[in-house]
Protein backbone atom coordinates (compact mmCIF):
# COMPACT_ATOMS: atom_id res chain seq x y z
CA MET A 1 111.81 101.55 112.65
CA PRO A 2 109.95 100.67 115.76
CA LEU A 3 107.45 97.84 116.34
CA LEU A 4 104.20 100.07 116.72
CA ARG A 5 104.90 101.91 113.71
CA ARG A 6 105.62 98.61 111.35
CA PHE A 7 102.59 97.11 112.68
CA VAL A 8 100.86 100.24 112.06
CA ILE A 9 102.01 100.43 108.59
CA LEU A 10 100.91 96.78 108.07
CA GLY A 11 97.75 97.22 109.25
CA ALA A 12 96.63 100.06 107.69
CA LEU A 13 98.36 100.04 104.21
CA ILE A 14 97.21 96.46 103.93
CA ALA A 15 93.73 96.13 105.43
CA CYS A 16 92.45 99.56 104.42
CA LEU A 17 92.30 98.88 100.74
CA ALA A 18 89.15 100.62 99.89
CA VAL A 19 91.09 104.24 101.15
CA ALA A 20 94.58 103.23 99.83
CA LEU A 21 94.24 101.66 96.50
CA PRO A 22 93.43 103.44 93.14
CA SER A 23 90.84 102.44 90.34
CA ALA A 24 91.47 103.21 87.11
CA ALA A 25 88.81 102.62 83.78
CA GLN A 26 89.69 106.99 83.09
CA ALA A 27 89.13 108.82 80.44
CA GLN A 28 92.39 110.48 80.93
CA PRO A 29 95.37 108.27 81.28
CA ARG A 30 96.74 108.74 84.98
CA PRO A 31 100.21 107.30 84.91
CA ASN A 32 101.30 108.78 88.10
CA LEU A 33 100.80 107.95 91.85
CA SER A 34 99.29 110.45 94.51
CA VAL A 35 100.88 109.76 98.06
CA GLN A 36 101.11 111.00 101.82
CA VAL A 37 105.15 110.42 102.98
CA TYR A 38 105.83 110.33 106.72
CA ASP A 39 109.24 111.25 108.15
CA TYR A 40 109.98 108.47 110.51
CA THR A 41 113.15 109.79 112.16
CA GLN A 42 111.13 112.33 113.63
CA PRO A 43 109.74 111.77 117.30
CA ALA A 44 107.10 108.90 116.94
CA SER A 45 104.28 110.54 118.67
CA LEU A 46 104.04 113.41 115.66
CA PRO A 47 106.06 112.25 112.30
CA THR A 48 106.12 114.87 109.95
CA SER A 49 104.76 114.62 106.39
CA TYR A 50 104.39 115.55 102.72
CA ALA A 51 101.84 114.96 100.08
CA ALA A 52 103.45 114.38 96.68
CA ILE A 53 102.82 113.01 93.33
CA PHE A 54 105.20 110.42 91.90
CA ALA A 55 106.05 109.97 88.23
CA PRO A 56 107.03 106.17 87.04
CA ALA A 57 110.75 106.03 86.96
CA THR A 58 111.31 110.18 88.64
CA PRO A 59 112.28 110.04 91.94
CA GLU A 60 111.79 113.93 92.18
CA PRO A 61 108.07 114.52 92.71
CA ARG A 62 105.86 116.31 90.71
CA VAL A 63 104.08 117.60 93.22
CA ARG A 64 105.14 118.11 96.86
CA LEU A 65 102.98 119.85 99.65
CA GLU A 66 104.17 119.81 103.13
CA VAL A 67 101.11 118.53 105.69
CA GLU A 68 100.20 120.41 108.71
CA GLY A 69 100.08 118.73 112.13
CA ASN A 70 98.46 115.27 111.99
CA GLY A 71 96.62 115.75 108.75
CA ALA A 72 95.61 112.86 106.58
CA VAL A 73 95.55 114.19 102.59
CA ARG A 74 93.72 112.62 99.49
CA PHE A 75 94.02 114.02 95.94
CA SER A 76 91.42 114.01 93.55
CA PRO A 77 91.66 111.74 90.56
CA ASN A 78 92.50 114.79 88.17
CA GLY A 79 95.57 115.87 90.28
CA ARG A 80 93.79 119.49 90.93
CA TRP A 81 91.78 119.14 94.24
CA ILE A 82 93.27 118.06 97.75
CA VAL A 83 91.47 117.45 100.94
CA THR A 84 92.68 116.64 104.51
CA VAL A 85 91.35 115.42 107.43
CA PHE A 86 92.87 116.21 111.07
CA GLY A 87 92.05 114.19 113.53
CA ALA A 88 90.53 115.49 117.17
CA ASP A 89 92.11 118.29 118.74
CA THR A 90 92.01 119.35 122.20
CA THR A 91 88.13 120.09 122.27
CA GLY A 92 87.41 116.35 120.54
CA SER A 93 86.46 117.89 117.07
CA ALA A 94 87.44 116.55 114.22
CA LYS A 95 88.52 118.75 110.82
CA LEU A 96 88.61 118.75 107.07
CA THR A 97 90.04 121.26 104.62
CA TYR A 98 89.74 120.81 100.87
CA GLY A 99 90.30 123.09 97.84
CA GLN A 100 92.03 123.26 94.31
CA ILE A 101 95.63 122.94 94.66
CA GLY A 102 96.86 126.54 94.97
CA GLY A 103 93.87 128.15 95.16
CA ALA A 104 91.39 129.03 98.62
CA ALA A 105 90.89 126.37 101.12
CA PHE A 106 87.26 125.58 102.78
CA GLU A 107 87.22 124.55 105.94
CA VAL A 108 84.95 121.89 108.00
CA THR A 109 85.18 121.45 111.84
CA SER A 110 83.05 118.60 113.47
CA GLU A 111 81.46 118.48 116.78
CA PRO A 112 82.94 117.31 119.44
CA THR A 113 83.26 113.42 119.51
CA PHE A 114 82.48 113.29 115.74
CA GLY A 115 85.14 111.92 113.69
CA ILE A 116 85.22 112.00 109.85
CA LEU A 117 84.94 109.21 107.45
CA GLY A 118 86.28 109.04 104.49
CA PRO A 119 86.60 111.68 102.11
CA ILE A 120 86.38 110.17 98.43
CA PHE A 121 85.99 111.62 95.35
CA SER A 122 83.85 111.10 92.21
CA PRO A 123 86.10 109.40 89.44
CA ASP A 124 85.66 113.02 87.56
CA SER A 125 86.64 114.87 90.51
CA ALA A 126 83.34 116.97 90.16
CA TYR A 127 81.88 115.94 93.59
CA MET A 128 83.63 114.81 96.98
CA SER A 129 81.79 112.88 99.99
CA TYR A 130 82.59 112.29 103.67
CA THR A 131 80.54 111.14 106.54
CA LEU A 132 80.63 112.43 110.01
CA THR A 133 79.93 109.74 112.50
CA SER A 134 80.02 109.80 116.60
CA PHE A 135 79.71 106.24 118.09
CA GLU A 136 79.18 108.29 121.58
CA ARG A 137 76.04 110.45 120.44
CA LEU A 138 74.71 107.25 118.00
CA ARG A 139 74.45 110.01 115.15
CA TRP A 140 75.92 110.13 111.65
CA GLU A 141 75.97 113.21 109.10
CA LEU A 142 76.75 112.46 105.60
CA VAL A 143 77.74 114.93 103.26
CA ILE A 144 77.94 115.04 99.01
CA LEU A 145 79.47 118.03 97.65
CA ASP A 146 79.03 119.64 94.03
CA LEU A 147 82.69 121.04 94.30
CA ALA A 148 81.79 123.38 91.19
CA GLY A 149 79.21 125.28 93.13
CA ASN A 150 80.65 124.47 96.54
CA GLN A 151 77.10 123.16 97.41
CA ARG A 152 76.34 120.37 99.81
CA MET A 153 73.90 117.71 99.81
CA THR A 154 73.47 116.27 103.84
CA PHE A 155 71.66 113.10 104.91
CA VAL A 156 71.70 112.46 108.89
CA GLY A 157 70.22 109.71 110.79
CA PRO A 158 70.74 107.53 114.02
CA LEU A 159 73.81 104.86 114.35
CA VAL A 160 71.70 101.92 114.31
CA PHE A 161 72.61 98.41 113.86
CA ASP A 162 69.12 96.90 113.60
CA ARG A 163 67.74 98.92 110.29
CA SER A 164 66.65 96.01 107.90
CA ASP A 165 68.73 97.73 105.24
CA LEU A 166 71.73 100.12 106.04
CA ILE A 167 73.27 99.53 109.45
CA GLY A 168 75.88 101.13 110.96
CA THR A 169 77.69 104.30 109.73
CA PRO A 170 76.91 105.18 105.86
CA ALA A 171 80.27 106.25 103.66
CA VAL A 172 80.10 106.63 99.79
CA ILE A 173 82.02 103.82 97.98
CA GLY A 174 81.88 104.94 94.20
CA TRP A 175 79.36 107.00 91.57
CA ASN A 176 77.31 105.47 88.60
CA ALA A 177 78.37 107.02 85.11
CA ASP A 178 76.44 110.10 85.17
CA ARG A 179 76.95 110.42 89.07
CA THR A 180 72.78 110.97 89.80
CA ARG A 181 73.48 108.03 91.53
CA VAL A 182 76.07 107.07 94.48
CA TYR A 183 76.83 103.52 96.04
CA LEU A 184 76.93 102.86 100.01
CA VAL A 185 77.83 100.96 102.74
CA GLY A 186 77.59 100.86 106.38
CA TYR A 187 80.96 100.76 108.45
CA GLY A 188 80.68 99.32 111.88
CA PRO A 189 83.69 99.78 114.46
CA HIS A 190 85.63 97.32 112.28
CA SER A 191 84.71 97.16 108.50
CA ALA A 192 81.84 97.12 106.40
CA GLU A 193 78.80 95.67 108.07
CA THR A 194 76.45 95.54 104.75
CA VAL A 195 76.35 94.94 101.23
CA PRO A 196 76.42 98.02 98.62
CA PHE A 197 73.31 99.98 98.70
CA GLU A 198 72.12 102.77 95.56
CA LEU A 199 70.81 105.95 96.37
CA ASP A 200 69.03 107.96 93.70
CA LEU A 201 70.08 111.65 94.15
CA ALA A 202 67.50 113.07 91.62
CA PRO A 203 64.88 113.80 94.31
CA TYR A 204 67.30 115.83 96.49
CA VAL A 205 68.87 119.41 95.73
CA TYR A 206 72.25 120.32 96.19
CA GLY A 207 72.59 123.67 98.74
CA ASN A 208 68.99 122.41 100.69
CA ALA A 209 69.64 124.29 104.07
CA THR A 210 67.53 121.07 105.38
CA PRO A 211 69.51 117.54 105.94
CA TYR A 212 67.49 115.11 104.57
CA GLU A 213 67.00 111.52 105.85
CA LEU A 214 67.50 108.37 104.04
CA PRO A 215 65.44 107.01 101.99
CA ALA A 216 64.69 103.12 101.75
CA LEU A 217 67.67 102.05 99.96
CA ARG A 218 68.13 99.15 96.99
CA PRO A 219 70.54 96.55 97.79
CA LEU A 220 72.56 96.07 94.81
CA MET A 221 73.06 92.38 96.18
CA ALA A 222 71.37 90.16 98.23
CA ARG A 223 71.89 90.47 101.56
CA ASN A 224 72.98 86.78 102.39
CA ALA A 225 75.89 87.70 100.01
CA LEU A 226 77.63 89.49 102.72
CA ARG A 227 81.15 87.96 103.75
CA PRO A 228 83.16 88.73 106.50
CA GLN A 229 85.33 91.87 105.99
CA MET A 230 84.03 92.75 102.47
CA THR A 231 86.36 95.83 101.18
CA TYR A 232 84.72 97.43 98.04
CA PHE A 233 86.38 98.89 94.85
CA VAL A 234 83.88 100.70 92.31
CA SER A 235 84.74 101.15 88.59
CA ASP A 236 84.85 104.71 87.42
CA ASP A 237 81.93 103.89 85.39
CA GLY A 238 79.91 102.57 87.80
CA THR A 239 79.04 99.24 86.53
CA LEU A 240 81.27 97.24 88.46
CA ILE A 241 81.94 96.81 92.08
CA ALA A 242 85.06 94.30 92.89
CA TYR A 243 85.64 93.29 96.56
CA THR A 244 87.85 91.32 99.01
CA PHE A 245 86.55 89.31 101.63
CA SER A 246 87.96 87.10 104.62
CA GLU A 247 87.30 83.68 105.66
CA PRO A 248 87.93 83.68 109.40
CA THR A 249 88.73 79.83 109.34
CA ARG A 250 91.17 79.97 106.98
CA VAL A 251 94.93 79.96 108.21
CA VAL A 252 97.71 81.99 106.77
CA THR A 253 101.08 80.87 108.88
CA ASN A 254 102.67 84.00 110.89
CA TYR A 255 99.65 86.50 109.48
CA ALA A 256 99.56 90.13 111.17
CA GLY A 257 97.40 92.43 110.08
CA PHE A 258 93.90 94.16 110.35
CA GLY A 259 91.45 91.33 110.88
CA ASP A 260 91.65 88.25 109.22
CA PRO A 261 93.64 87.73 105.90
CA PHE A 262 91.52 88.88 102.98
CA ALA A 263 91.10 85.32 101.39
CA GLY A 264 89.10 85.84 97.68
CA ILE A 265 88.33 88.25 95.32
CA GLY A 266 84.37 88.92 94.08
CA LEU A 267 82.60 90.70 91.33
CA LEU A 268 79.10 92.59 91.28
CA ASP A 269 77.98 93.67 87.89
CA VAL A 270 75.68 96.83 88.44
CA ARG A 271 73.90 96.34 85.69
CA THR A 272 72.91 92.86 85.71
CA GLY A 273 72.70 92.30 89.14
CA GLN A 274 74.95 89.25 88.87
CA ASN A 275 77.44 88.57 91.78
CA THR A 276 80.19 85.99 91.36
CA ILE A 277 83.16 85.09 93.31
CA LEU A 278 86.12 85.11 90.89
CA LEU A 279 88.79 83.48 93.08
CA THR A 280 90.80 82.51 95.83
CA ALA A 281 94.18 82.99 97.18
CA PRO A 282 96.73 79.95 96.85
CA ALA A 283 96.64 78.22 100.25
CA ASP A 284 98.68 80.10 103.07
CA GLU A 285 98.97 83.24 100.70
CA ALA A 286 96.90 86.36 101.76
CA ILE A 287 95.46 88.98 98.94
CA LEU A 288 97.36 92.04 99.53
CA ASN A 289 95.62 94.48 97.12
CA VAL A 290 93.43 94.85 94.28
CA SER A 291 93.09 97.47 91.56
CA TYR A 292 91.40 97.97 88.01
CA ALA A 293 93.41 97.91 84.44
CA THR A 294 93.11 101.20 82.83
CA ASP A 295 90.29 100.18 80.71
CA ALA A 296 88.59 98.56 83.64
CA LYS A 297 88.37 94.94 81.53
CA ALA A 298 90.83 93.27 84.38
CA LEU A 299 91.79 93.20 87.73
CA TYR A 300 95.39 93.52 89.27
CA TYR A 301 96.01 92.00 92.69
CA THR A 302 99.10 90.55 94.52
CA THR A 303 99.33 87.70 97.19
CA ALA A 304 101.84 86.81 99.78
CA ARG A 305 103.09 84.46 102.44
CA PHE A 306 104.21 86.19 105.70
CA VAL A 307 107.14 85.11 107.79
CA GLN A 308 108.40 86.71 111.20
CA ASP A 309 110.62 89.96 110.84
CA PRO A 310 113.83 88.98 113.16
CA SER A 311 113.92 92.51 114.32
CA THR A 312 110.61 92.78 115.42
CA GLY A 313 108.73 89.35 115.52
CA VAL A 314 106.11 90.64 113.70
CA GLY A 315 104.65 88.75 110.57
CA VAL A 316 105.40 90.67 107.54
CA PRO A 317 104.21 89.74 103.69
CA VAL A 318 107.28 88.13 101.41
CA GLY A 319 107.38 86.47 98.24
CA VAL A 320 104.84 88.96 96.73
CA ARG A 321 103.29 88.24 93.30
CA LEU A 322 101.46 90.44 91.10
CA PHE A 323 98.09 88.71 88.87
CA ARG A 324 96.19 90.39 85.99
CA TYR A 325 92.55 88.80 86.15
CA ASP A 326 91.02 89.12 82.78
CA LEU A 327 87.07 90.10 83.43
CA GLU A 328 85.99 89.35 80.22
CA ALA A 329 87.58 85.99 79.80
CA ARG A 330 87.75 85.06 83.50
CA GLN A 331 91.38 84.31 83.24
CA ASN A 332 94.17 84.82 85.40
CA SER A 333 97.70 85.06 84.16
CA GLY A 334 101.06 86.69 86.11
CA GLY A 335 102.10 85.58 89.06
CA ASN A 336 105.61 86.97 88.57
CA GLN A 337 107.62 88.12 91.99
CA LEU A 338 107.00 91.55 92.71
CA THR A 339 110.05 92.49 94.02
CA PRO A 340 113.68 92.15 92.38
CA ASP A 341 115.00 89.83 95.75
CA PRO A 342 112.14 87.43 96.88
CA SER A 343 112.50 88.11 100.60
CA MET A 344 112.09 91.81 100.61
CA SER A 345 108.52 92.21 102.85
CA VAL A 346 106.13 94.53 100.67
CA PHE A 347 103.83 97.37 102.44
CA SER A 348 102.16 98.73 99.53
CA VAL A 349 100.77 98.51 96.21
CA ALA A 350 99.42 100.58 93.29
CA VAL A 351 98.96 99.84 89.78
CA CYS A 352 98.68 103.40 87.70
CA GLY A 353 98.18 102.41 83.92
CA GLU A 354 101.40 100.73 83.02
CA THR A 355 103.15 100.70 86.06
CA VAL A 356 103.18 99.25 89.23
CA PHE A 357 104.56 101.31 92.31
CA TYR A 358 105.27 99.53 95.74
CA VAL A 359 107.10 100.24 99.04
CA ALA A 360 109.44 97.18 100.33
CA ASN A 361 112.56 96.84 103.06
CA GLN A 362 114.64 94.14 103.71
CA LEU A 363 114.00 91.50 107.05
CA GLY A 364 115.57 93.20 109.82
CA SER A 365 116.02 96.86 108.21
CA SER A 366 114.57 99.79 109.22
CA ASP A 367 115.23 101.23 105.65
CA TYR A 368 112.15 101.02 103.38
CA ILE A 369 112.03 101.97 99.65
CA PHE A 370 109.55 103.17 97.82
CA TYR A 371 109.94 101.91 93.93
CA SER A 372 107.97 102.07 90.64
CA ALA A 373 108.43 99.47 87.94
CA SER A 374 106.95 98.74 84.23
CA LEU A 375 104.28 96.12 84.02
CA VAL A 376 106.64 94.15 81.93
CA ASN A 377 109.40 94.64 83.29
CA LEU A 378 109.25 94.30 87.49
CA SER A 379 112.97 92.76 87.54
CA GLN A 380 114.13 96.24 87.05
CA PRO A 381 112.59 98.65 89.39
CA THR A 382 113.48 102.07 90.09
CA ALA A 383 114.01 103.57 93.35
CA LEU A 384 111.94 106.82 94.19
CA LEU A 385 112.61 107.26 97.42
CA GLY A 386 114.68 105.25 100.41
CA GLY A 387 115.17 105.86 104.23
CA GLN A 388 113.03 106.02 107.25
CA PHE A 389 109.60 106.52 106.31
CA GLY A 390 106.10 105.93 105.37
CA VAL A 391 103.79 105.96 101.97
CA SER A 392 100.43 106.08 102.15
CA PHE A 393 99.15 105.43 98.78
CA GLY A 394 96.12 107.57 97.20
CA THR A 395 94.77 107.63 93.48
CA CYS A 396 95.96 107.35 90.58
CA VAL A 397 96.14 110.83 88.65
CA PRO A 398 97.30 112.38 85.47
């Protein structure tokens, strides 16, 4: 695989955790993983791709949908809705389409220079949110959709970096239990620029023709708790917000990725406001991913050290270990080797129910393998897909 592609996969799939990783705590079991698969035997300028749902230990996907052009696809947590974001066309406009699989599709086209951030579905798949933003026009538009009636609630405002509460571009990261409130953060050019805030939707109406301005927002943690490169993970019931963060002074040998390596995991209890740093990565290792266990009483996370791939000279994660952190007992366990061969590099990880899915390859090889393995028997994974491809992980689905 060319150097540029490998670097993009590493940066996008390790660093963009909030987009790539599923959360659990679901009322309905979600043991399967939704993905987007890119065929890198095609020209590098525009690889073909398809969206799919894979079940544990089953190479044939349960669902496979071809993806048009440069679209990036996400499934809803119930596996019934799909949303696709397309990059700027020749006019400078981006596009978003959404709808139930096999049903009518709805389309949103942005004004020129506006990109589309997100989208994100609510855990019950009843709502979806996305943000239109323009760093040229210094404007944003936050949209929350009631999918049952296809009704929108829209907030608009200027893109500023001197507001006392939410700066940058606001984006939804999660919902509370009854979906009457959403949690927002502000994003700048590189990552989250703010702590999470709560927006109460009760005063506002879906389907209102006139966009609203954001009111004063309630911060969910102290503003001085903001750490570099924070990435947030909201539990399905909205009571917990886990987050990763980096420490600019931390050194991880041969690290290559988006920004600095993730150094630790924290937890905010929305009910009490208690904010706790749970753990830090072992010396000379980085945290690769975080996801909730099915009942949201534990977190799964992986750590890795980095070595230079001999074929590219780029640092890649190896020696990846999978841990489980019990949130009630505040106790770490696991730490077992994820791959059968510890020298394999790993580029994506997701835990769905009792299964871990991951993408790995041998150093120096241009071929990748998409695996699933039981959490109780990591040493015997099943290869679901192999070859020259890239995989973007989405949410866990039924």
